Amino acid sequence: MSAIPPSQVPIDPRAVIILFDGDCPLCQTTARWLKRIDWWKRLRFQNARDVEHLPQIPVPLAPQRLLEEMHVIAPDRRSVTAGFAGFRTLCRYVPLLWAVLPLMYFPGIPQLGQRIYLWVAKNRLNLLPCHDGVCRLPSKPQSMPPSASARCV
């Protein structure tokens, strides 16, 4: 049985499409976390590197920009936000994130949030100890043989 190409998979018209760097371990981890808390199943994640299957929407998508920041396409398919603004947009569709949503609109927070987002995005490939699906774990220290006094009697 062959897989259906992503461009032919029907997308729920109420879904929010999140375009992210599918080769980035931090991005993959974030997508898995968001999928777990997406109770309403409104979020659809798509690898931005798969440029042949980008959503056909009226707003132009620049493939290079898609790799610099996550892009979030609203259900109306006319609105696209990126970076911190994109995260704010997707928070509207995930009930567990509603509590932090008002904080994201406080004066100064959007600018600070975007600066932090851009720093994380720029350094994303070095923030997790995983590369090519392989994670390095700290080596386990050699255990000492149990002493006679430590034995249970």
Protein backbone atom coordinates (compact mmCIF):
# COMPACT_ATOMS: atom_id res chain seq x y z
CA MET A 1 0.00 0.00 0.00
CA SER A 2 1.57 3.31 -1.04
CA ALA A 3 1.43 6.47 1.01
CA ILE A 4 -0.68 9.38 -0.18
CA PRO A 5 1.50 12.35 -1.16
CA PRO A 6 1.15 15.21 1.39
CA SER A 7 -0.34 17.52 -1.27
CA GLN A 8 -3.24 15.09 -1.78
CA VAL A 9 -4.05 14.46 1.89
CA PRO A 10 -7.30 16.26 2.67
CA ILE A 11 -6.75 18.91 5.33
CA ASP A 12 -9.53 19.78 7.73
CA PRO A 13 -10.65 23.28 6.72
CA ARG A 14 -10.57 24.25 10.41
CA ALA A 15 -6.96 23.12 10.78
CA VAL A 16 -4.05 25.41 11.48
CA ILE A 17 -1.05 24.49 9.32
CA ILE A 18 2.35 24.84 10.94
CA LEU A 19 5.32 24.90 8.60
CA PHE A 20 8.53 24.03 10.43
CA ASP A 21 12.06 22.80 9.78
CA GLY A 22 11.56 19.05 9.68
CA ASP A 23 15.32 18.43 9.94
CA CYS A 24 15.63 20.27 13.24
CA PRO A 25 15.57 18.09 16.41
CA LEU A 26 14.28 20.99 18.54
CA CYS A 27 11.52 21.69 16.01
CA GLN A 28 10.57 18.00 15.88
CA THR A 29 10.45 17.81 19.68
CA THR A 30 8.30 20.94 19.85
CA ALA A 31 5.93 19.57 17.19
CA ARG A 32 5.54 16.29 19.14
CA TRP A 33 4.85 18.23 22.34
CA LEU A 34 2.24 20.41 20.62
CA LYS A 35 0.56 17.35 19.07
CA ARG A 36 0.19 15.82 22.53
CA ILE A 37 -1.59 18.87 23.94
CA ASP A 38 -3.69 19.51 20.81
CA TRP A 39 -6.91 18.10 22.25
CA TRP A 40 -9.05 19.42 19.40
CA LYS A 41 -6.69 18.06 16.71
CA ARG A 42 -6.62 21.44 14.97
CA LEU A 43 -2.86 21.61 14.33
CA ARG A 44 -1.31 20.11 11.19
CA PHE A 45 2.48 20.04 11.00
CA GLN A 46 4.26 20.11 7.69
CA ASN A 47 7.95 20.00 6.90
CA ALA A 48 8.86 23.34 5.32
CA ARG A 49 11.76 21.64 3.53
CA ASP A 50 9.27 19.72 1.38
CA VAL A 51 8.76 22.71 -0.93
CA GLU A 52 6.98 20.63 -3.59
CA HIS A 53 4.10 20.06 -1.18
CA LEU A 54 3.70 23.46 0.44
CA PRO A 55 0.05 24.46 0.87
CA GLN A 56 -1.49 26.32 -2.04
CA ILE A 57 -2.61 29.58 -0.44
CA PRO A 58 -3.05 33.16 -1.70
CA VAL A 59 -0.21 34.42 0.50
CA PRO A 60 3.21 33.78 -1.09
CA LEU A 61 5.56 31.56 0.93
CA ALA A 62 9.31 32.06 0.57
CA PRO A 63 11.03 28.68 1.14
CA GLN A 64 14.16 30.26 2.67
CA ARG A 65 12.08 32.28 5.17
CA LEU A 66 10.22 29.11 6.15
CA LEU A 67 13.50 27.70 7.46
CA GLU A 68 14.34 30.84 9.43
CA GLU A 69 11.06 30.92 11.37
CA MET A 70 8.08 28.66 11.90
CA HIS A 71 5.11 29.87 9.83
CA VAL A 72 1.52 29.37 10.94
CA ILE A 73 -1.28 29.41 8.38
CA ALA A 74 -4.66 30.27 9.87
CA PRO A 75 -7.75 28.23 8.97
CA ASP A 76 -8.93 30.99 6.60
CA ARG A 77 -5.74 30.33 4.54
CA ARG A 78 -5.37 34.10 4.04
CA SER A 79 -3.40 34.87 7.18
CA VAL A 80 0.18 33.70 7.76
CA THR A 81 2.18 34.61 10.86
CA ALA A 82 5.77 33.71 11.63
CA GLY A 83 8.06 33.41 14.63
CA PHE A 84 6.68 34.66 17.94
CA ALA A 85 3.52 35.96 16.22
CA GLY A 86 3.06 32.47 14.76
CA PHE A 87 3.36 30.92 18.20
CA ARG A 88 0.75 33.38 19.46
CA THR A 89 -1.54 32.37 16.62
CA LEU A 90 -1.26 28.65 17.32
CA CYS A 91 -1.87 29.27 21.05
CA ARG A 92 -5.41 30.36 20.13
CA TYR A 93 -6.19 26.83 19.00
CA VAL A 94 -4.68 24.88 21.94
CA PRO A 95 -6.74 25.20 25.16
CA LEU A 96 -3.77 24.40 27.43
CA LEU A 97 -1.98 27.48 26.07
CA TRP A 98 -4.90 29.89 26.50
CA ALA A 99 -3.68 30.88 29.97
CA VAL A 100 -0.46 32.40 28.57
CA LEU A 101 -2.07 34.00 25.52
CA PRO A 102 -3.05 37.32 27.20
CA LEU A 103 0.51 37.69 28.52
CA MET A 104 1.83 37.55 24.97
CA TYR A 105 0.07 40.83 24.17
CA PHE A 106 1.43 42.88 27.08
CA PRO A 107 3.41 45.94 25.97
CA GLY A 108 6.97 44.98 25.07
CA ILE A 109 6.32 41.22 25.14
CA PRO A 110 5.87 40.81 21.36
CA GLN A 111 9.22 42.52 20.69
CA LEU A 112 11.01 40.59 23.44
CA GLY A 113 9.33 37.35 22.38
CA GLN A 114 10.42 37.84 18.78
CA ARG A 115 14.01 38.55 19.81
CA ILE A 116 14.08 35.40 21.95
CA TYR A 117 12.37 33.40 19.19
CA LEU A 118 14.92 34.53 16.59
CA TRP A 119 17.83 33.66 18.90
CA VAL A 120 16.40 30.18 19.52
CA ALA A 121 15.68 29.72 15.80
CA LYS A 122 19.21 30.78 14.85
CA ASN A 123 20.76 28.37 17.40
CA ARG A 124 18.16 25.60 17.17
CA LEU A 125 20.48 22.97 15.74
CA ASN A 126 22.83 23.29 18.72
CA LEU A 127 20.29 23.50 21.56
CA LEU A 128 19.52 19.79 21.79
CA PRO A 129 22.22 17.14 22.02
CA CYS A 130 20.60 15.24 19.15
CA HIS A 131 21.92 15.15 15.61
CA ASP A 132 20.54 13.01 12.79
CA GLY A 133 18.20 11.27 15.22
CA VAL A 134 21.01 10.23 17.55
CA CYS A 135 21.20 11.75 21.02
CA ARG A 136 24.31 11.75 23.15
CA LEU A 137 23.80 10.85 26.75
CA PRO A 138 26.29 11.61 29.49
CA SER A 139 28.37 8.55 30.24
CA LYS A 140 27.33 6.66 33.32
CA PRO A 141 29.92 6.82 36.11
CA GLN A 142 31.50 3.54 37.11
CA SER A 143 29.66 2.13 40.09
CA MET A 144 31.65 1.06 43.09
CA PRO A 145 31.29 -2.52 44.29
CA PRO A 146 29.01 -2.69 47.29
CA SER A 147 30.90 -2.74 50.55
CA ALA A 148 30.30 -5.40 53.14
CA SER A 149 28.81 -2.82 55.47
CA ALA A 150 26.23 -1.80 52.88
CA ARG A 151 24.72 -5.27 52.55
CA CYS A 152 21.33 -5.96 53.97
CA VAL A 153 21.21 -8.64 56.61
